[in-house]
């Protein structure tokens, strides 16, 4: 049996109650997410339910794409995202394993392509 331990988030940011006070998608602390490193990221709603988990070689750019892109799986649900957790994981194979494991363990609502038991 393989045991997978999900890393603790390096950064957690929350959507502000007054979105007009923040400049990036309602998240004032978006600048805390690294530009240079790869890892995994998780989007949660205000009930702390996992909406989406993703991986990236450059985290901040990829997360921003989910708020701007017309093909993102969360494009119709961006307003639901209340919290973003980011874990730095440099190894691409580890990122893939974490993404699939987390999506399945916590039933990421908008990762249907990653869920094994549908």
Protein backbone atom coordinates (compact mmCIF):
# COMPACT_ATOMS: atom_id res chain seq x y z
CA UNK A 1 0.00 0.00 0.00
CA UNK A 2 1.21 3.47 -0.85
CA UNK A 3 0.71 6.26 1.66
CA UNK A 4 0.38 9.78 0.29
CA UNK A 5 0.70 12.72 2.63
CA UNK A 6 -0.73 15.93 1.24
CA UNK A 7 1.69 18.79 1.83
CA UNK A 8 0.64 21.68 4.03
CA UNK A 9 -0.13 24.82 2.04
CA UNK A 10 2.70 27.31 1.65
CA UNK A 11 0.19 30.09 0.97
CA UNK A 12 -3.53 30.46 1.69
CA UNK A 13 -5.40 33.50 0.43
CA UNK A 14 -9.02 34.48 0.93
CA UNK A 15 -11.43 36.47 -1.20
CA UNK A 16 -12.16 39.80 0.43
CA UNK A 17 -15.69 40.61 1.60
CA UNK A 18 -15.51 43.91 -0.27
CA UNK A 19 -14.10 42.84 -3.67
CA UNK A 20 -13.79 46.43 -4.84
CA UNK A 21 -11.03 46.79 -2.23
CA UNK A 22 -8.83 44.18 -3.92
CA UNK A 23 -7.32 44.36 -7.33
CA UNK A 24 -7.03 40.73 -8.49
CA UNK A 25 -10.26 38.73 -8.68
CA UNK A 26 -11.22 39.72 -5.15
CA UNK A 27 -7.95 38.42 -3.64
CA UNK A 28 -5.83 41.14 -2.04
CA UNK A 29 -2.95 38.77 -1.24
CA UNK A 30 -2.57 37.29 -4.73
CA UNK A 31 1.00 38.64 -4.78
CA UNK A 32 1.97 36.06 -2.11
CA UNK A 33 1.71 33.24 -4.66
CA UNK A 34 5.10 32.48 -6.19
CA UNK A 35 5.75 33.36 -9.82
CA UNK A 36 8.81 31.15 -10.19
CA UNK A 37 7.95 27.80 -8.65
CA UNK A 38 5.69 24.93 -9.57
CA UNK A 39 3.19 23.13 -7.41
CA UNK A 40 -0.45 22.38 -6.82
CA UNK A 41 -3.33 24.71 -6.02
CA UNK A 42 -6.80 24.17 -4.63
CA UNK A 43 -9.88 26.35 -4.97
CA UNK A 44 -12.45 26.17 -2.14
CA UNK A 45 -15.88 27.71 -1.70
CA UNK A 46 -17.05 29.57 1.41
CA UNK A 47 -18.14 26.23 2.99
CA UNK A 48 -14.55 24.94 2.65
CA UNK A 49 -15.60 22.41 -0.01
CA UNK A 50 -12.98 21.63 -2.65
CA UNK A 51 -14.07 22.98 -6.01
CA UNK A 52 -10.97 22.38 -8.11
CA UNK A 53 -7.38 21.17 -7.81
CA UNK A 54 -4.72 21.89 -10.39
CA UNK A 55 -1.00 21.74 -11.00
CA UNK A 56 1.40 24.17 -12.62
CA UNK A 57 5.04 24.76 -13.49
CA UNK A 58 4.55 28.43 -12.57
CA UNK A 59 1.80 28.79 -10.02
CA UNK A 60 0.71 32.42 -10.12
CA UNK A 61 0.39 32.52 -13.91
CA UNK A 62 -1.63 29.30 -14.01
CA UNK A 63 -4.00 30.35 -11.24
CA UNK A 64 -4.59 33.70 -12.98
CA UNK A 65 -5.44 31.80 -16.18
CA UNK A 66 -8.31 30.06 -14.38
CA UNK A 67 -9.83 33.47 -13.65
CA UNK A 68 -9.29 34.78 -17.19
CA UNK A 69 -9.48 31.79 -19.55
CA UNK A 70 -12.63 30.93 -21.47
CA UNK A 71 -11.84 27.19 -21.40
CA UNK A 72 -11.09 26.80 -17.69
CA UNK A 73 -13.23 24.16 -15.94
CA UNK A 74 -14.09 26.79 -13.31
CA UNK A 75 -14.97 29.56 -15.81
CA UNK A 76 -18.68 29.51 -14.86
CA UNK A 77 -17.94 29.13 -11.15
CA UNK A 78 -15.28 31.77 -10.46
CA UNK A 79 -17.56 33.64 -8.09
CA UNK A 80 -17.74 30.53 -5.88
CA UNK A 81 -13.99 30.57 -5.15
CA UNK A 82 -13.52 31.96 -1.65
CA UNK A 83 -10.13 30.50 -0.76
CA UNK A 84 -7.03 29.42 -2.67
CA UNK A 85 -4.40 27.14 -1.14
CA UNK A 86 -1.02 26.74 -2.82
CA UNK A 87 1.62 24.07 -2.17
CA UNK A 88 5.05 24.30 -3.77
CA UNK A 89 5.96 20.97 -5.39
CA UNK A 90 8.83 21.14 -7.86
CA UNK A 91 8.75 17.55 -9.19
CA UNK A 92 6.26 17.24 -12.09
CA UNK A 93 5.50 13.58 -11.34
CA UNK A 94 4.70 14.42 -7.71
CA UNK A 95 2.42 17.27 -8.88
CA UNK A 96 0.48 14.85 -11.08
CA UNK A 97 0.13 12.31 -8.26
CA UNK A 98 -1.04 14.96 -5.77
CA UNK A 99 -3.53 16.43 -8.23
CA UNK A 100 -5.22 13.09 -8.94
CA UNK A 101 -5.08 11.96 -5.30
CA UNK A 102 -6.55 15.19 -3.90
CA UNK A 103 -9.26 15.39 -6.58
CA UNK A 104 -10.39 11.86 -5.71
CA UNK A 105 -9.95 11.97 -1.94
CA UNK A 106 -11.92 15.21 -1.54
CA UNK A 107 -14.21 14.91 -4.59
CA UNK A 108 -13.16 18.08 -6.38
CA UNK A 109 -16.40 19.27 -7.93
CA UNK A 110 -14.93 20.72 -11.13
CA UNK A 111 -12.27 18.08 -11.85
CA UNK A 112 -14.46 15.42 -13.51
CA UNK A 113 -11.59 14.33 -15.78
CA UNK A 114 -9.45 13.43 -12.74
CA UNK A 115 -12.02 11.41 -10.77
CA UNK A 116 -11.40 7.67 -10.96
CA UNK A 117 -14.66 6.34 -9.49
CA UNK A 118 -17.43 8.08 -11.40
